[in-house]
Amino acid sequence: MSFYIKRAASLPTAAQALKCVYPCQLLTTAYKPIYMVRLDERTGKIFILAGEDIEILISRDGNWEYP
């Protein structure tokens, strides 16, 4: 008999979830397409890819950066 333990999915923090709405709203108001919103399980940060070259990272404490 063989089996495996599936790793539990990571969830964003409440601060991340609330802060994620703000840049997404700004992007759509500026008519910029949002291509991806993803939680990076390695770093715990939310990654937003939008427009032609817009990348936004939201850390677990809710701070966001635009590298």
PDB file of N, CA and C in Angstrom:
ATOM      1  N   MET A   1       0.851  -1.159   0.000  1.00  0.00           N
ATOM      2  CA  MET A   1       0.000   0.000   0.000  1.00  0.00           C
ATOM      3  C   MET A   1       0.905   1.233   0.000  1.00  0.00           C
ATOM      4  N   SER A   2       0.586   2.178  -0.859  1.00  0.00           N
ATOM      5  CA  SER A   2       1.343   3.424  -0.873  1.00  0.00           C
ATOM      6  C   SER A   2       0.373   4.599  -0.722  1.00  0.00           C
ATOM      7  N   PHE A   3       0.855   5.627  -0.104  1.00  0.00           N
ATOM      8  CA  PHE A   3       0.038   6.818   0.081  1.00  0.00           C
ATOM      9  C   PHE A   3       0.966   8.014   0.222  1.00  0.00           C
ATOM     10  N   TYR A   4       0.410   9.173   0.089  1.00  0.00           N
ATOM     11  CA  TYR A   4       1.180  10.380   0.284  1.00  0.00           C
ATOM     12  C   TYR A   4       0.340  11.376   1.063  1.00  0.00           C
ATOM     13  N   ILE A   5       1.023  12.272   1.731  1.00  0.00           N
ATOM     14  CA  ILE A   5       0.342  13.314   2.490  1.00  0.00           C
ATOM     15  C   ILE A   5       0.394  14.585   1.658  1.00  0.00           C
ATOM     16  N   LYS A   6      -0.762  15.071   1.309  1.00  0.00           N
ATOM     17  CA  LYS A   6      -0.835  16.293   0.529  1.00  0.00           C
ATOM     18  C   LYS A   6      -0.576  17.481   1.441  1.00  0.00           C
ATOM     19  N   ARG A   7       0.303  18.362   0.992  1.00  0.00           N
ATOM     20  CA  ARG A   7       0.621  19.549   1.770  1.00  0.00           C
ATOM     21  C   ARG A   7      -0.566  20.501   1.784  1.00  0.00           C
ATOM     22  N   ALA A   8      -0.882  21.045   2.938  1.00  0.00           N
ATOM     23  CA  ALA A   8      -1.996  21.980   3.060  1.00  0.00           C
ATOM     24  C   ALA A   8      -1.691  23.251   2.277  1.00  0.00           C
ATOM     25  N   ALA A   9      -2.692  23.770   1.618  1.00  0.00           N
ATOM     26  CA  ALA A   9      -2.531  24.997   0.837  1.00  0.00           C
ATOM     27  C   ALA A   9      -2.312  26.180   1.768  1.00  0.00           C
ATOM     28  N   SER A  10      -1.403  27.046   1.378  1.00  0.00           N
ATOM     29  CA  SER A  10      -1.165  28.266   2.142  1.00  0.00           C
ATOM     30  C   SER A  10      -2.276  29.259   1.852  1.00  0.00           C
ATOM     31  N   LEU A  11      -2.635  30.009   2.846  1.00  0.00           N
ATOM     32  CA  LEU A  11      -3.660  31.033   2.692  1.00  0.00           C
ATOM     33  C   LEU A  11      -3.058  32.393   2.998  1.00  0.00           C
ATOM     34  N   PRO A  12      -3.539  33.436   2.320  1.00  0.00           N
ATOM     35  CA  PRO A  12      -3.043  34.778   2.650  1.00  0.00           C
ATOM     36  C   PRO A  12      -3.526  35.201   4.028  1.00  0.00           C
ATOM     37  N   THR A  13      -2.788  36.110   4.643  1.00  0.00           N
ATOM     38  CA  THR A  13      -3.222  36.652   5.925  1.00  0.00           C
ATOM     39  C   THR A  13      -4.370  37.629   5.676  1.00  0.00           C
ATOM     40  N   ALA A  14      -5.059  38.002   6.721  1.00  0.00           N
ATOM     41  CA  ALA A  14      -6.153  38.970   6.589  1.00  0.00           C
ATOM     42  C   ALA A  14      -5.615  40.305   6.088  1.00  0.00           C
ATOM     43  N   ALA A  15      -4.435  40.707   6.576  1.00  0.00           N
ATOM     44  CA  ALA A  15      -3.829  41.965   6.133  1.00  0.00           C
ATOM     45  C   ALA A  15      -3.507  41.923   4.645  1.00  0.00           C
ATOM     46  N   GLN A  16      -2.995  40.790   4.169  1.00  0.00           N
ATOM     47  CA  GLN A  16      -2.703  40.648   2.743  1.00  0.00           C
ATOM     48  C   GLN A  16      -3.976  40.706   1.909  1.00  0.00           C
ATOM     49  N   ALA A  17      -4.986  40.002   2.343  1.00  0.00           N
ATOM     50  CA  ALA A  17      -6.238  39.950   1.582  1.00  0.00           C
ATOM     51  C   ALA A  17      -6.856  41.343   1.452  1.00  0.00           C
ATOM     52  N   LEU A  18      -6.878  42.083   2.534  1.00  0.00           N
ATOM     53  CA  LEU A  18      -7.453  43.427   2.486  1.00  0.00           C
ATOM     54  C   LEU A  18      -6.598  44.369   1.644  1.00  0.00           C
ATOM     55  N   LYS A  19      -5.287  44.272   1.783  1.00  0.00           N
ATOM     56  CA  LYS A  19      -4.393  45.162   1.055  1.00  0.00           C
ATOM     57  C   LYS A  19      -4.349  44.831  -0.435  1.00  0.00           C
ATOM     58  N   CYS A  20      -4.641  43.608  -0.808  1.00  0.00           N
ATOM     59  CA  CYS A  20      -4.632  43.181  -2.203  1.00  0.00           C
ATOM     60  C   CYS A  20      -5.706  43.907  -3.020  1.00  0.00           C
ATOM     61  N   VAL A  21      -6.810  44.226  -2.405  1.00  0.00           N
ATOM     62  CA  VAL A  21      -7.910  44.879  -3.102  1.00  0.00           C
ATOM     63  C   VAL A  21      -7.508  46.279  -3.577  1.00  0.00           C
ATOM     64  N   TYR A  22      -6.751  47.009  -2.787  1.00  0.00           N
ATOM     65  CA  TYR A  22      -6.419  48.397  -3.110  1.00  0.00           C
ATOM     66  C   TYR A  22      -5.619  48.533  -4.413  1.00  0.00           C
ATOM     67  N   PRO A  23      -4.461  47.841  -4.565  1.00  0.00           N
ATOM     68  CA  PRO A  23      -3.745  47.998  -5.835  1.00  0.00           C
ATOM     69  C   PRO A  23      -4.522  47.435  -7.027  1.00  0.00           C
ATOM     70  N   CYS A  24      -5.294  46.390  -6.818  1.00  0.00           N
ATOM     71  CA  CYS A  24      -6.110  45.851  -7.916  1.00  0.00           C
ATOM     72  C   CYS A  24      -7.159  46.867  -8.362  1.00  0.00           C
ATOM     73  N   GLN A  25      -7.747  47.575  -7.405  1.00  0.00           N
ATOM     74  CA  GLN A  25      -8.726  48.598  -7.744  1.00  0.00           C
ATOM     75  C   GLN A  25      -8.057  49.755  -8.488  1.00  0.00           C
ATOM     76  N   LEU A  26      -6.866  50.160  -8.050  1.00  0.00           N
ATOM     77  CA  LEU A  26      -6.125  51.225  -8.740  1.00  0.00           C
ATOM     78  C   LEU A  26      -5.787  50.826 -10.177  1.00  0.00           C
ATOM     79  N   LEU A  27      -5.370  49.588 -10.349  1.00  0.00           N
ATOM     80  CA  LEU A  27      -5.015  49.111 -11.690  1.00  0.00           C
ATOM     81  C   LEU A  27      -6.219  49.087 -12.622  1.00  0.00           C
ATOM     82  N   THR A  28      -7.335  48.597 -12.141  1.00  0.00           N
ATOM     83  CA  THR A  28      -8.509  48.535 -13.016  1.00  0.00           C
ATOM     84  C   THR A  28      -9.090  49.917 -13.284  1.00  0.00           C
ATOM     85  N   THR A  29      -8.966  50.843 -12.341  1.00  0.00           N
ATOM     86  CA  THR A  29      -9.404  52.216 -12.581  1.00  0.00           C
ATOM     87  C   THR A  29      -8.570  52.857 -13.695  1.00  0.00           C
ATOM     88  N   ALA A  30      -7.292  52.476 -13.764  1.00  0.00           N
ATOM     89  CA  ALA A  30      -6.401  52.986 -14.804  1.00  0.00           C
ATOM     90  C   ALA A  30      -6.476  52.138 -16.081  1.00  0.00           C
ATOM     91  N   TYR A  31      -7.432  51.224 -16.143  1.00  0.00           N
ATOM     92  CA  TYR A  31      -7.637  50.338 -17.304  1.00  0.00           C
ATOM     93  C   TYR A  31      -6.414  49.483 -17.614  1.00  0.00           C
ATOM     94  N   LYS A  32      -5.715  49.059 -16.586  1.00  0.00           N
ATOM     95  CA  LYS A  32      -4.585  48.154 -16.749  1.00  0.00           C
ATOM     96  C   LYS A  32      -5.074  46.723 -16.526  1.00  0.00           C
ATOM     97  N   PRO A  33      -4.770  45.811 -17.421  1.00  0.00           N
ATOM     98  CA  PRO A  33      -5.198  44.428 -17.215  1.00  0.00           C
ATOM     99  C   PRO A  33      -4.383  43.759 -16.105  1.00  0.00           C
ATOM    100  N   ILE A  34      -5.038  42.943 -15.329  1.00  0.00           N
ATOM    101  CA  ILE A  34      -4.369  42.163 -14.287  1.00  0.00           C
ATOM    102  C   ILE A  34      -4.256  40.743 -14.814  1.00  0.00           C
ATOM    103  N   TYR A  35      -3.022  40.292 -15.008  1.00  0.00           N
ATOM    104  CA  TYR A  35      -2.785  38.978 -15.596  1.00  0.00           C
ATOM    105  C   TYR A  35      -2.687  37.868 -14.557  1.00  0.00           C
ATOM    106  N   MET A  36      -2.182  38.209 -13.375  1.00  0.00           N
ATOM    107  CA  MET A  36      -1.985  37.157 -12.375  1.00  0.00           C
ATOM    108  C   MET A  36      -2.016  37.737 -10.976  1.00  0.00           C
ATOM    109  N   VAL A  37      -2.682  37.034 -10.084  1.00  0.00           N
ATOM    110  CA  VAL A  37      -2.614  37.307  -8.643  1.00  0.00           C
ATOM    111  C   VAL A  37      -2.333  35.953  -8.018  1.00  0.00           C
ATOM    112  N   ARG A  38      -1.180  35.827  -7.369  1.00  0.00           N
ATOM    113  CA  ARG A  38      -0.748  34.520  -6.893  1.00  0.00           C
ATOM    114  C   ARG A  38      -0.061  34.646  -5.546  1.00  0.00           C
ATOM    115  N   LEU A  39      -0.340  33.697  -4.665  1.00  0.00           N
ATOM    116  CA  LEU A  39       0.353  33.619  -3.380  1.00  0.00           C
ATOM    117  C   LEU A  39       1.579  32.737  -3.562  1.00  0.00           C
ATOM    118  N   ASP A  40       2.753  33.310  -3.413  1.00  0.00           N
ATOM    119  CA  ASP A  40       4.001  32.549  -3.515  1.00  0.00           C
ATOM    120  C   ASP A  40       4.182  31.769  -2.211  1.00  0.00           C
ATOM    121  N   GLU A  41       4.060  30.482  -2.286  1.00  0.00           N
ATOM    122  CA  GLU A  41       4.118  29.654  -1.076  1.00  0.00           C
ATOM    123  C   GLU A  41       5.514  29.617  -0.479  1.00  0.00           C
ATOM    124  N   ARG A  42       6.544  29.906  -1.266  1.00  0.00           N
ATOM    125  CA  ARG A  42       7.912  29.894  -0.747  1.00  0.00           C
ATOM    126  C   ARG A  42       8.171  31.095   0.147  1.00  0.00           C
ATOM    127  N   THR A  43       7.697  32.279  -0.280  1.00  0.00           N
ATOM    128  CA  THR A  43       7.979  33.506   0.474  1.00  0.00           C
ATOM    129  C   THR A  43       6.794  33.981   1.308  1.00  0.00           C
ATOM    130  N   GLY A  44       5.590  33.503   0.992  1.00  0.00           N
ATOM    131  CA  GLY A  44       4.390  33.943   1.695  1.00  0.00           C
ATOM    132  C   GLY A  44       3.862  35.272   1.189  1.00  0.00           C
ATOM    133  N   LYS A  45       4.413  35.773   0.071  1.00  0.00           N
ATOM    134  CA  LYS A  45       3.995  37.062  -0.464  1.00  0.00           C
ATOM    135  C   LYS A  45       2.989  36.863  -1.605  1.00  0.00           C
ATOM    136  N   ILE A  46       2.078  37.821  -1.740  1.00  0.00           N
ATOM    137  CA  ILE A  46       1.166  37.835  -2.874  1.00  0.00           C
ATOM    138  C   ILE A  46       1.864  38.587  -4.005  1.00  0.00           C
ATOM    139  N   PHE A  47       1.821  38.005  -5.193  1.00  0.00           N
ATOM    140  CA  PHE A  47       2.438  38.588  -6.378  1.00  0.00           C
ATOM    141  C   PHE A  47       1.338  38.992  -7.341  1.00  0.00           C
ATOM    142  N   ILE A  48       1.360  40.240  -7.790  1.00  0.00           N
ATOM    143  CA  ILE A  48       0.388  40.743  -8.764  1.00  0.00           C
ATOM    144  C   ILE A  48       1.162  41.157 -10.010  1.00  0.00           C
ATOM    145  N   LEU A  49       0.761  40.611 -11.156  1.00  0.00           N
ATOM    146  CA  LEU A  49       1.353  40.965 -12.442  1.00  0.00           C
ATOM    147  C   LEU A  49       0.277  41.654 -13.260  1.00  0.00           C
ATOM    148  N   ALA A  50       0.559  42.888 -13.692  1.00  0.00           N
ATOM    149  CA  ALA A  50      -0.453  43.671 -14.403  1.00  0.00           C
ATOM    150  C   ALA A  50       0.201  44.542 -15.471  1.00  0.00           C
ATOM    151  N   GLY A  51      -0.644  45.037 -16.387  1.00  0.00           N
ATOM    152  CA  GLY A  51      -0.153  45.921 -17.432  1.00  0.00           C
ATOM    153  C   GLY A  51       0.969  45.281 -18.215  1.00  0.00           C
ATOM    154  N   GLU A  52       1.868  46.104 -18.723  1.00  0.00           N
ATOM    155  CA  GLU A  52       2.981  45.571 -19.498  1.00  0.00           C
ATOM    156  C   GLU A  52       4.189  45.224 -18.631  1.00  0.00           C
ATOM    157  N   ASP A  53       4.373  45.931 -17.537  1.00  0.00           N
ATOM    158  CA  ASP A  53       5.556  45.686 -16.709  1.00  0.00           C
ATOM    159  C   ASP A  53       5.339  46.008 -15.242  1.00  0.00           C
ATOM    160  N   ILE A  54       4.129  45.865 -14.755  1.00  0.00           N
ATOM    161  CA  ILE A  54       3.821  46.203 -13.367  1.00  0.00           C
ATOM    162  C   ILE A  54       3.852  44.934 -12.518  1.00  0.00           C
ATOM    163  N   GLU A  55       4.686  44.943 -11.507  1.00  0.00           N
ATOM    164  CA  GLU A  55       4.771  43.846 -10.548  1.00  0.00           C
ATOM    165  C   GLU A  55       4.624  44.423  -9.146  1.00  0.00           C
ATOM    166  N   ILE A  56       3.732  43.839  -8.364  1.00  0.00           N
ATOM    167  CA  ILE A  56       3.495  44.297  -6.997  1.00  0.00           C
ATOM    168  C   ILE A  56       3.623  43.091  -6.072  1.00  0.00           C
ATOM    169  N   LEU A  57       4.333  43.271  -4.968  1.00  0.00           N
ATOM    170  CA  LEU A  57       4.469  42.234  -3.945  1.00  0.00           C
ATOM    171  C   LEU A  57       3.820  42.723  -2.659  1.00  0.00           C
ATOM    172  N   ILE A  58       3.008  41.870  -2.047  1.00  0.00           N
ATOM    173  CA  ILE A  58       2.369  42.201  -0.769  1.00  0.00           C
ATOM    174  C   ILE A  58       2.861  41.197   0.268  1.00  0.00           C
ATOM    175  N   SER A  59       3.569  41.697   1.282  1.00  0.00           N
ATOM    176  CA  SER A  59       4.123  40.817   2.311  1.00  0.00           C
ATOM    177  C   SER A  59       3.032  40.365   3.279  1.00  0.00           C
ATOM    178  N   ARG A  60       3.379  39.425   4.134  1.00  0.00           N
ATOM    179  CA  ARG A  60       2.402  38.843   5.057  1.00  0.00           C
ATOM    180  C   ARG A  60       1.850  39.862   6.052  1.00  0.00           C
ATOM    181  N   ASP A  61       2.600  40.935   6.308  1.00  0.00           N
ATOM    182  CA  ASP A  61       2.102  41.954   7.237  1.00  0.00           C
ATOM    183  C   ASP A  61       1.254  43.021   6.537  1.00  0.00           C
ATOM    184  N   GLY A  62       1.055  42.885   5.224  1.00  0.00           N
ATOM    185  CA  GLY A  62       0.179  43.797   4.496  1.00  0.00           C
ATOM    186  C   GLY A  62       0.891  44.944   3.800  1.00  0.00           C
ATOM    187  N   ASN A  63       2.197  45.067   3.989  1.00  0.00           N
ATOM    188  CA  ASN A  63       2.946  46.108   3.281  1.00  0.00           C
ATOM    189  C   ASN A  63       3.160  45.681   1.844  1.00  0.00           C
ATOM    190  N   TRP A  64       3.059  46.640   0.927  1.00  0.00           N
ATOM    191  CA  TRP A  64       3.275  46.289  -0.461  1.00  0.00           C
ATOM    192  C   TRP A  64       4.390  47.103  -1.055  1.00  0.00           C
ATOM    193  N   GLU A  65       5.050  46.498  -2.038  1.00  0.00           N
ATOM    194  CA  GLU A  65       6.156  47.154  -2.698  1.00  0.00           C
ATOM    195  C   GLU A  65       6.002  47.018  -4.203  1.00  0.00           C
ATOM    196  N   TYR A  66       6.533  47.990  -4.878  1.00  0.00           N
ATOM    197  CA  TYR A  66       6.481  48.070  -6.329  1.00  0.00           C
ATOM    198  C   TYR A  66       7.919  48.123  -6.808  1.00  0.00           C
ATOM    199  N   PRO A  67       8.534  46.918  -6.985  1.00  0.00           N
ATOM    200  CA  PRO A  67       9.982  46.898  -7.313  1.00  0.00           C
ATOM    201  C   PRO A  67      10.302  47.471  -8.672  1.00  0.00           C
TER     202      PRO A  67
END
